[in-house]
Each structure stands twice: as structure tokens, then as C-alpha cells.
Amino acid sequence: MRKSKQFTGVPVISLQEGQQIGVVRGLVVDPEKKAVAALIIEQKGWFKEQKYIPFNRVHSVGENVITVDRSSNAERGAKLPDIVKLVKDRIGIIGARIVTENGTLLGQVDEYYVDLESGDIVGLEFSGGFLDSVISGRAFLDTAFVRTIGKEVIVTSNEALANIIKVEGGLAESLRQLQKSTSQAWDTTRQKTRELGEVINRSLERVRGPRDEETNCSCDQHHGPNGEAREQPEQAPQEK
């Protein structure tokens, strides 16, 4: 897969003619299919003409160039009315807000990822919103959790909350894993607190034990017939 912005400026080469027919200037998104419908191509020359290459006509997306079978794969908008309609709808994924079904704002899309074989949009990279209250930086969300791609808002299922992946410094950790590790840390803290409490209670019992026995004593030596405490005789000093 590749980030959408990495398509911009990439040369498009015709395999049949062996020549460059233009460079990519943008992508046309089909929101219902959650895929790139076409590449927007700008041709060279004095009269720069904008054409479109439906993604299913792309032969290959390489590291440095994009290839098509023949130059005729790039056509004017007049011959591709469905593509032009998508362009006029102005569905822009970058900058759109991501909202769950229950109304939680996850953040704002900074970038999206495209499968190089099918043109499918496979993931969204975003920041801000709910993300800032949980982890810092950017995050990734698989489009399997995306329900609707609109002009300004992308709606996801509620399950998206547990499937956000943190993207920072080459590390990736799902929010579910973060929640799990946090829960484990809390459980460990509670267990240690419980064990400490038991140790303190046992120590108090050992200290109170002798006193309690003396307090609870009911023998005639220490108590009178009515249970009152007897005065204990003073012990005579021992002769040296």
C-alpha cells in the first residue's frame, strides 16, 4: 500500500508507445466503494490538458513510475462521465472528521492508504479529537470499520474505538492493547494493596492478642463475684 500523497508527481509511462504521457496530479475517490476510482493526469506541452486514467486500467504502480498498457488509457472527462461526477462531488478524505456511530469524534484525517493492486482505500491516518485524550501523535484505522465516507465526515462503527492503532516512531500498538495493559497494571496495584492490608491486619492481631486475652479474662483471681476487677496485692520487694 501507499499513502495518497505519494502518488502526486509520479510519471505515467505507456508500455506500448514507450513514452511518458503525463504525471499524476491527484486521485479521484469513489466513497461508496471506498476506493480510488481514477488517477488525475496532467499532460506535458504548451496546452496542458487534464485527463483521467480509471484505476482498473493501471498496469502497475512502481517505486518510481506508474505504467499503463497504452496512452489511450488516459481519456478526457467527456468520455468518463462517472469519473467526472465523482470529481464534481468533491469527496475529499483528507481533512474529513472521523465520527463513530455513537457520536465520538475520533479525530481528523491527515492521510489515507491505497492498495496498489486494487486501488482500495485500506486505512486512514488521523490525529486530534478522542485520540489526544488517550495517546499522543497519530493513529491508523482500518477502513473495515468505516461505514460511510461523506464530503466532510467519515462515519465508523463503534468497534473502531477498540481497533485504533498508534503510529509513532515505527511503533504500533492498538488501543485495545493499551487498555489491556492499563487494566493489568490496575489489577496488579489492587492485588498488592490487598496483600499489604492482610499483612497489616495480621500484625495488629499479634499486638492486640495478649491485651484482648487480659481484657476478656473472667477468673476469680482477677475478678470479684460480680465480675468487678480485684485490686492486685503489691509484691514484696525481694531480699538481696
C-alpha atoms as a PDB file:
ATOM      1  CA  MET A   1       0.000   0.000   0.000  1.00  0.00           C
ATOM      2  CA  ARG A   2       0.995   3.611  -0.431  1.00  0.00           C
ATOM      3  CA  LYS A   3      -0.001   6.963   1.011  1.00  0.00           C
ATOM      4  CA  SER A   4      -2.228   9.021  -1.276  1.00  0.00           C
ATOM      5  CA  LYS A   5       0.152  11.994  -1.315  1.00  0.00           C
ATOM      6  CA  GLN A   6       2.944   9.776  -2.629  1.00  0.00           C
ATOM      7  CA  PHE A   7       1.098   9.419  -5.951  1.00  0.00           C
ATOM      8  CA  THR A   8       1.402  13.133  -6.698  1.00  0.00           C
ATOM      9  CA  GLY A   9       4.097  13.983  -9.267  1.00  0.00           C
ATOM     10  CA  VAL A  10       4.736  10.354 -10.267  1.00  0.00           C
ATOM     11  CA  PRO A  11       5.294   9.973 -14.072  1.00  0.00           C
ATOM     12  CA  VAL A  12       2.900   7.777 -16.062  1.00  0.00           C
ATOM     13  CA  ILE A  13       4.503   5.678 -18.814  1.00  0.00           C
ATOM     14  CA  SER A  14       2.789   3.925 -21.737  1.00  0.00           C
ATOM     15  CA  LEU A  15       4.207   0.437 -22.288  1.00  0.00           C
ATOM     16  CA  GLN A  16       3.049   0.231 -25.908  1.00  0.00           C
ATOM     17  CA  GLU A  17       4.447   3.603 -27.037  1.00  0.00           C
ATOM     18  CA  GLY A  18       7.355   3.673 -24.611  1.00  0.00           C
ATOM     19  CA  GLN A  19       6.776   7.285 -23.656  1.00  0.00           C
ATOM     20  CA  GLN A  20       5.615   9.415 -20.773  1.00  0.00           C
ATOM     21  CA  ILE A  21       2.032  10.542 -21.154  1.00  0.00           C
ATOM     22  CA  GLY A  22       1.892  12.780 -18.094  1.00  0.00           C
ATOM     23  CA  VAL A  23       2.253  12.979 -14.316  1.00  0.00           C
ATOM     24  CA  VAL A  24      -0.231  12.292 -11.561  1.00  0.00           C
ATOM     25  CA  ARG A  25      -1.847  15.421 -10.120  1.00  0.00           C
ATOM     26  CA  GLY A  26      -4.432  13.813  -7.874  1.00  0.00           C
ATOM     27  CA  LEU A  27      -6.744  10.925  -7.091  1.00  0.00           C
ATOM     28  CA  VAL A  28     -10.481  10.571  -7.647  1.00  0.00           C
ATOM     29  CA  VAL A  29     -12.209   8.772  -4.761  1.00  0.00           C
ATOM     30  CA  ASP A  30     -15.330   6.631  -5.002  1.00  0.00           C
ATOM     31  CA  PRO A  31     -16.858   6.880  -1.492  1.00  0.00           C
ATOM     32  CA  GLU A  32     -19.324   4.015  -1.931  1.00  0.00           C
ATOM     33  CA  LYS A  33     -16.630   1.563  -2.980  1.00  0.00           C
ATOM     34  CA  LYS A  34     -14.085   3.066  -0.568  1.00  0.00           C
ATOM     35  CA  ALA A  35     -11.541   3.040  -3.383  1.00  0.00           C
ATOM     36  CA  VAL A  36      -9.591   5.234  -5.780  1.00  0.00           C
ATOM     37  CA  ALA A  37     -11.664   5.394  -8.967  1.00  0.00           C
ATOM     38  CA  ALA A  38      -9.089   7.116 -11.177  1.00  0.00           C
ATOM     39  CA  LEU A  39      -5.805   8.993 -11.435  1.00  0.00           C
ATOM     40  CA  ILE A  40      -5.889  12.632 -12.494  1.00  0.00           C
ATOM     41  CA  ILE A  41      -3.193  13.070 -15.156  1.00  0.00           C
ATOM     42  CA  GLU A  42      -1.658  16.302 -16.352  1.00  0.00           C
ATOM     43  CA  GLN A  43      -0.034  16.019 -19.773  1.00  0.00           C
ATOM     44  CA  LYS A  44       3.068  17.813 -20.951  1.00  0.00           C
ATOM     45  CA  GLY A  45       3.094  20.525 -23.574  1.00  0.00           C
ATOM     46  CA  TRP A  46       2.003  24.091 -24.086  1.00  0.00           C
ATOM     47  CA  PHE A  47      -1.659  23.267 -23.708  1.00  0.00           C
ATOM     48  CA  LYS A  48      -1.675  21.192 -20.577  1.00  0.00           C
ATOM     49  CA  GLU A  49      -4.732  19.006 -20.704  1.00  0.00           C
ATOM     50  CA  GLN A  50      -6.179  17.155 -17.754  1.00  0.00           C
ATOM     51  CA  LYS A  51      -7.136  13.548 -18.359  1.00  0.00           C
ATOM     52  CA  TYR A  52      -8.166  10.614 -16.228  1.00  0.00           C
ATOM     53  CA  ILE A  53      -6.987   7.024 -16.025  1.00  0.00           C
ATOM     54  CA  PRO A  54      -9.507   4.684 -14.361  1.00  0.00           C
ATOM     55  CA  PHE A  55      -7.605   2.698 -11.755  1.00  0.00           C
ATOM     56  CA  ASN A  56      -8.631  -0.612 -13.347  1.00  0.00           C
ATOM     57  CA  ARG A  57      -6.624   0.446 -16.414  1.00  0.00           C
ATOM     58  CA  VAL A  58      -3.395   0.896 -14.444  1.00  0.00           C
ATOM     59  CA  HIS A  59      -0.893  -1.829 -15.315  1.00  0.00           C
ATOM     60  CA  SER A  60       1.409  -1.336 -12.346  1.00  0.00           C
ATOM     61  CA  VAL A  61       2.289   1.149  -9.616  1.00  0.00           C
ATOM     62  CA  GLY A  62       6.051   1.029  -9.154  1.00  0.00           C
ATOM     63  CA  GLU A  63       8.529   2.774  -6.901  1.00  0.00           C
ATOM     64  CA  ASN A  64       9.289   5.499  -9.435  1.00  0.00           C
ATOM     65  CA  VAL A  65       6.694   5.356 -12.199  1.00  0.00           C
ATOM     66  CA  ILE A  66       3.172   4.180 -12.938  1.00  0.00           C
ATOM     67  CA  THR A  67       2.651   2.175 -16.107  1.00  0.00           C
ATOM     68  CA  VAL A  68      -0.370   1.679 -18.377  1.00  0.00           C
ATOM     69  CA  ASP A  69      -0.687  -0.576 -21.422  1.00  0.00           C
ATOM     70  CA  ARG A  70      -1.247   2.264 -23.912  1.00  0.00           C
ATOM     71  CA  SER A  71      -1.607   6.023 -23.951  1.00  0.00           C
ATOM     72  CA  SER A  72      -5.278   5.731 -24.927  1.00  0.00           C
ATOM     73  CA  ASN A  73      -5.994   4.527 -21.385  1.00  0.00           C
ATOM     74  CA  ALA A  74      -5.873   8.198 -20.383  1.00  0.00           C
ATOM     75  CA  GLU A  75      -9.079   9.880 -21.514  1.00  0.00           C
ATOM     76  CA  ARG A  76     -10.844  13.233 -21.301  1.00  0.00           C
ATOM     77  CA  GLY A  77     -13.603  13.714 -18.811  1.00  0.00           C
ATOM     78  CA  ALA A  78     -16.236  13.842 -21.566  1.00  0.00           C
ATOM     79  CA  LYS A  79     -15.721  10.115 -22.142  1.00  0.00           C
ATOM     80  CA  LEU A  80     -15.752   9.262 -18.460  1.00  0.00           C
ATOM     81  CA  PRO A  81     -18.960  10.823 -17.046  1.00  0.00           C
ATOM     82  CA  ASP A  82     -18.967   8.687 -13.881  1.00  0.00           C
ATOM     83  CA  ILE A  83     -15.458   9.852 -13.029  1.00  0.00           C
ATOM     84  CA  VAL A  84     -16.363  13.490 -13.689  1.00  0.00           C
ATOM     85  CA  LYS A  85     -19.379  13.179 -11.402  1.00  0.00           C
ATOM     86  CA  LEU A  86     -17.141  11.959  -8.591  1.00  0.00           C
ATOM     87  CA  VAL A  87     -14.801  14.896  -9.213  1.00  0.00           C
ATOM     88  CA  LYS A  88     -17.717  17.346  -9.008  1.00  0.00           C
ATOM     89  CA  ASP A  89     -18.934  15.740  -5.781  1.00  0.00           C
ATOM     90  CA  ARG A  90     -15.626  16.854  -4.242  1.00  0.00           C
ATOM     91  CA  ILE A  91     -15.267  13.954  -1.838  1.00  0.00           C
ATOM     92  CA  GLY A  92     -12.069  14.836  -0.019  1.00  0.00           C
ATOM     93  CA  ILE A  93     -10.934  12.306   2.568  1.00  0.00           C
ATOM     94  CA  ILE A  94      -8.012  14.363   3.857  1.00  0.00           C
ATOM     95  CA  GLY A  95      -9.316  16.903   6.342  1.00  0.00           C
ATOM     96  CA  ALA A  96     -12.548  14.991   6.984  1.00  0.00           C
ATOM     97  CA  ARG A  97     -13.609  14.369  10.585  1.00  0.00           C
ATOM     98  CA  ILE A  98     -13.948  10.786  11.796  1.00  0.00           C
ATOM     99  CA  VAL A  99     -17.013  10.159  13.959  1.00  0.00           C
ATOM    100  CA  THR A 100     -18.305   6.900  15.432  1.00  0.00           C
ATOM    101  CA  GLU A 101     -21.958   5.843  15.284  1.00  0.00           C
ATOM    102  CA  ASN A 102     -22.432   6.771  18.949  1.00  0.00           C
ATOM    103  CA  GLY A 103     -21.130  10.294  18.292  1.00  0.00           C
ATOM    104  CA  THR A 104     -17.495  10.132  19.445  1.00  0.00           C
ATOM    105  CA  LEU A 105     -15.143  12.360  17.451  1.00  0.00           C
ATOM    106  CA  LEU A 106     -12.019  10.262  16.860  1.00  0.00           C
ATOM    107  CA  GLY A 107     -10.036  12.928  15.015  1.00  0.00           C
ATOM    108  CA  GLN A 108      -9.309  14.394  11.605  1.00  0.00           C
ATOM    109  CA  VAL A 109      -7.859  12.533   8.612  1.00  0.00           C
ATOM    110  CA  ASP A 110      -4.288  13.530   7.744  1.00  0.00           C
ATOM    111  CA  GLU A 111      -3.695  10.828   5.133  1.00  0.00           C
ATOM    112  CA  TYR A 112      -5.127   7.640   3.652  1.00  0.00           C
ATOM    113  CA  TYR A 113      -3.530   4.465   2.293  1.00  0.00           C
ATOM    114  CA  VAL A 114      -4.220   2.876  -1.092  1.00  0.00           C
ATOM    115  CA  ASP A 115      -3.795  -0.763  -2.102  1.00  0.00           C
ATOM    116  CA  LEU A 116      -1.586  -0.717  -5.212  1.00  0.00           C
ATOM    117  CA  GLU A 117      -3.273  -3.705  -6.841  1.00  0.00           C
ATOM    118  CA  SER A 118      -6.947  -2.911  -6.406  1.00  0.00           C
ATOM    119  CA  GLY A 119      -6.989   0.789  -5.624  1.00  0.00           C
ATOM    120  CA  ASP A 120      -8.961   0.104  -2.440  1.00  0.00           C
ATOM    121  CA  ILE A 121      -8.566   2.574   0.409  1.00  0.00           C
ATOM    122  CA  VAL A 122      -7.309   0.290   3.166  1.00  0.00           C
ATOM    123  CA  GLY A 123      -6.652   2.661   6.041  1.00  0.00           C
ATOM    124  CA  LEU A 124      -6.902   6.163   7.464  1.00  0.00           C
ATOM    125  CA  GLU A 125      -4.196   8.039   9.328  1.00  0.00           C
ATOM    126  CA  PHE A 126      -5.560  10.669  11.695  1.00  0.00           C
ATOM    127  CA  SER A 127      -4.879  12.834  14.732  1.00  0.00           C
ATOM    128  CA  GLY A 128      -6.685  15.069  17.229  1.00  0.00           C
ATOM    129  CA  GLY A 129     -10.106  14.543  18.774  1.00  0.00           C
ATOM    130  CA  PHE A 130     -10.555  11.497  21.007  1.00  0.00           C
ATOM    131  CA  LEU A 131      -7.042  10.354  20.135  1.00  0.00           C
ATOM    132  CA  ASP A 132      -5.468  13.275  22.016  1.00  0.00           C
ATOM    133  CA  SER A 133      -7.215  12.198  25.223  1.00  0.00           C
ATOM    134  CA  VAL A 134      -5.771   8.676  25.008  1.00  0.00           C
ATOM    135  CA  ILE A 135      -2.430   8.745  23.185  1.00  0.00           C
ATOM    136  CA  SER A 136      -0.304  11.459  21.611  1.00  0.00           C
ATOM    137  CA  GLY A 137       0.655  11.606  17.946  1.00  0.00           C
ATOM    138  CA  ARG A 138      -1.065   9.938  15.002  1.00  0.00           C
ATOM    139  CA  ALA A 139      -3.079   6.767  14.626  1.00  0.00           C
ATOM    140  CA  PHE A 140      -4.211   4.309  11.951  1.00  0.00           C
ATOM    141  CA  LEU A 141      -7.686   2.870  11.416  1.00  0.00           C
ATOM    142  CA  ASP A 142      -8.547   0.038   9.036  1.00  0.00           C
ATOM    143  CA  THR A 143     -11.362   1.028   6.655  1.00  0.00           C
ATOM    144  CA  ALA A 144     -13.102  -2.246   7.515  1.00  0.00           C
ATOM    145  CA  PHE A 145     -14.526  -0.194  10.412  1.00  0.00           C
ATOM    146  CA  VAL A 146     -15.628   2.670   8.144  1.00  0.00           C
ATOM    147  CA  ARG A 147     -19.342   2.777   7.486  1.00  0.00           C
ATOM    148  CA  THR A 148     -19.705   5.938   5.375  1.00  0.00           C
ATOM    149  CA  ILE A 149     -17.335   8.315   3.584  1.00  0.00           C
ATOM    150  CA  GLY A 150     -19.035  11.695   3.233  1.00  0.00           C
ATOM    151  CA  LYS A 151     -17.947  15.099   1.971  1.00  0.00           C
ATOM    152  CA  GLU A 152     -16.970  16.374   5.411  1.00  0.00           C
ATOM    153  CA  VAL A 153     -17.439  13.455   7.810  1.00  0.00           C
ATOM    154  CA  ILE A 154     -16.386   9.806   7.815  1.00  0.00           C
ATOM    155  CA  VAL A 155     -18.644   7.610   9.951  1.00  0.00           C
ATOM    156  CA  THR A 156     -17.249   4.489  11.601  1.00  0.00           C
ATOM    157  CA  SER A 157     -18.725   1.655  13.630  1.00  0.00           C
ATOM    158  CA  ASN A 158     -18.407   1.822  17.415  1.00  0.00           C
ATOM    159  CA  GLU A 159     -15.902  -1.062  17.224  1.00  0.00           C
ATOM    160  CA  ALA A 160     -13.407   1.400  15.708  1.00  0.00           C
ATOM    161  CA  LEU A 161     -12.623   2.674  19.220  1.00  0.00           C
ATOM    162  CA  ALA A 162     -11.048  -0.646  20.198  1.00  0.00           C
ATOM    163  CA  ASN A 163      -9.165  -1.034  16.906  1.00  0.00           C
ATOM    164  CA  ILE A 164      -7.245   2.215  16.657  1.00  0.00           C
ATOM    165  CA  ILE A 165      -3.527   1.629  16.111  1.00  0.00           C
ATOM    166  CA  LYS A 166      -0.961   4.086  17.416  1.00  0.00           C
ATOM    167  CA  VAL A 167       1.606   5.151  14.795  1.00  0.00           C
ATOM    168  CA  GLU A 168       4.701   6.813  16.225  1.00  0.00           C
ATOM    169  CA  GLY A 169       8.422   6.226  15.833  1.00  0.00           C
ATOM    170  CA  GLY A 170       7.826   2.991  13.928  1.00  0.00           C
ATOM    171  CA  LEU A 171       5.909   1.528  16.862  1.00  0.00           C
ATOM    172  CA  ALA A 172       2.366   0.284  16.536  1.00  0.00           C
ATOM    173  CA  GLU A 173       0.184  -0.613  19.467  1.00  0.00           C
ATOM    174  CA  SER A 174      -3.580  -0.999  19.354  1.00  0.00           C
ATOM    175  CA  LEU A 175      -5.747   0.962  21.730  1.00  0.00           C
ATOM    176  CA  ARG A 176      -7.156  -2.363  22.877  1.00  0.00           C
ATOM    177  CA  GLN A 177      -3.633  -3.426  23.919  1.00  0.00           C
ATOM    178  CA  LEU A 178      -3.125  -0.103  25.708  1.00  0.00           C
ATOM    179  CA  GLN A 179      -6.390  -0.578  27.570  1.00  0.00           C
ATOM    180  CA  LYS A 180      -5.437  -4.158  28.415  1.00  0.00           C
ATOM    181  CA  SER A 181      -2.006  -3.190  29.763  1.00  0.00           C
ATOM    182  CA  THR A 182      -3.581  -0.364  31.779  1.00  0.00           C
ATOM    183  CA  SER A 183      -6.162  -2.771  33.195  1.00  0.00           C
ATOM    184  CA  GLN A 184      -3.445  -5.284  34.102  1.00  0.00           C
ATOM    185  CA  ALA A 185      -1.452  -2.566  35.881  1.00  0.00           C
ATOM    186  CA  TRP A 186      -4.551  -1.567  37.850  1.00  0.00           C
ATOM    187  CA  ASP A 187      -5.300  -5.181  38.779  1.00  0.00           C
ATOM    188  CA  THR A 188      -1.708  -5.635  39.967  1.00  0.00           C
ATOM    189  CA  THR A 189      -1.960  -2.475  42.085  1.00  0.00           C
ATOM    190  CA  ARG A 190      -5.200  -3.654  43.666  1.00  0.00           C
ATOM    191  CA  GLN A 191      -3.713  -7.086  44.414  1.00  0.00           C
ATOM    192  CA  LYS A 192      -0.631  -5.577  46.058  1.00  0.00           C
ATOM    193  CA  THR A 193      -2.832  -3.236  48.108  1.00  0.00           C
ATOM    194  CA  ARG A 194      -4.968  -6.189  49.231  1.00  0.00           C
ATOM    195  CA  GLU A 195      -1.869  -8.199  50.242  1.00  0.00           C
ATOM    196  CA  LEU A 196      -0.424  -5.232  52.176  1.00  0.00           C
ATOM    197  CA  GLY A 197      -3.717  -4.841  54.020  1.00  0.00           C
ATOM    198  CA  GLU A 198      -3.659  -8.500  55.058  1.00  0.00           C
ATOM    199  CA  VAL A 199      -0.101  -8.191  56.391  1.00  0.00           C
ATOM    200  CA  ILE A 200      -1.034  -5.111  58.441  1.00  0.00           C
ATOM    201  CA  ASN A 201      -4.108  -6.854  59.855  1.00  0.00           C
ATOM    202  CA  ARG A 202      -2.050  -9.892  60.912  1.00  0.00           C
ATOM    203  CA  SER A 203       0.477  -7.625  62.648  1.00  0.00           C
ATOM    204  CA  LEU A 204      -2.291  -5.806  64.519  1.00  0.00           C
ATOM    205  CA  GLU A 205      -3.789  -9.112  65.642  1.00  0.00           C
ATOM    206  CA  ARG A 206      -0.456 -10.225  67.099  1.00  0.00           C
ATOM    207  CA  VAL A 207      -0.117  -6.959  69.045  1.00  0.00           C
ATOM    208  CA  ARG A 208      -3.715  -6.940  70.268  1.00  0.00           C
ATOM    209  CA  GLY A 209      -3.798 -10.670  71.136  1.00  0.00           C
ATOM    210  CA  PRO A 210      -2.299 -10.550  74.679  1.00  0.00           C
ATOM    211  CA  ARG A 211      -4.260  -7.409  75.575  1.00  0.00           C
ATOM    212  CA  ASP A 212      -7.509  -8.939  74.429  1.00  0.00           C
ATOM    213  CA  GLU A 213      -6.858 -12.075  76.491  1.00  0.00           C
ATOM    214  CA  GLU A 214      -6.219  -9.982  79.588  1.00  0.00           C
ATOM    215  CA  THR A 215      -9.325  -7.887  78.925  1.00  0.00           C
ATOM    216  CA  ASN A 216     -11.515 -10.944  78.375  1.00  0.00           C
ATOM    217  CA  CYS A 217     -10.192 -12.823  81.494  1.00  0.00           C
ATOM    218  CA  SER A 218     -13.004 -13.888  83.931  1.00  0.00           C
ATOM    219  CA  CYS A 219     -11.049 -15.866  86.515  1.00  0.00           C
ATOM    220  CA  ASP A 220     -11.608 -15.376  90.304  1.00  0.00           C
ATOM    221  CA  GLN A 221      -8.002 -14.224  90.733  1.00  0.00           C
ATOM    222  CA  HIS A 222      -8.629 -11.058  88.747  1.00  0.00           C
ATOM    223  CA  HIS A 223     -12.403 -10.549  89.185  1.00  0.00           C
ATOM    224  CA  GLY A 224     -14.861 -10.485  92.090  1.00  0.00           C
ATOM    225  CA  PRO A 225     -18.150 -12.401  92.390  1.00  0.00           C
ATOM    226  CA  ASN A 226     -19.960  -9.702  90.415  1.00  0.00           C
ATOM    227  CA  GLY A 227     -17.332  -9.553  87.730  1.00  0.00           C
ATOM    228  CA  GLU A 228     -15.638  -6.406  89.075  1.00  0.00           C
ATOM    229  CA  ALA A 229     -11.851  -6.242  88.818  1.00  0.00           C
ATOM    230  CA  ARG A 230      -9.978  -7.106  92.036  1.00  0.00           C
ATOM    231  CA  GLU A 231      -7.138  -4.962  93.276  1.00  0.00           C
ATOM    232  CA  GLN A 232      -3.938  -6.891  92.938  1.00  0.00           C
ATOM    233  CA  PRO A 233      -1.671  -7.011  96.068  1.00  0.00           C
ATOM    234  CA  GLU A 234       1.617  -5.308  95.836  1.00  0.00           C
ATOM    235  CA  GLN A 235       4.535  -7.693  95.599  1.00  0.00           C
ATOM    236  CA  ALA A 236       7.022  -7.508  98.447  1.00  0.00           C
ATOM    237  CA  PRO A 237      10.478  -6.476  97.397  1.00  0.00           C
ATOM    238  CA  GLN A 238      12.846  -9.364  97.134  1.00  0.00           C
ATOM    239  CA  GLU A 239      15.712  -9.552  99.670  1.00  0.00           C
ATOM    240  CA  LYS A 240      19.130  -9.302  98.185  1.00  0.00           C
END
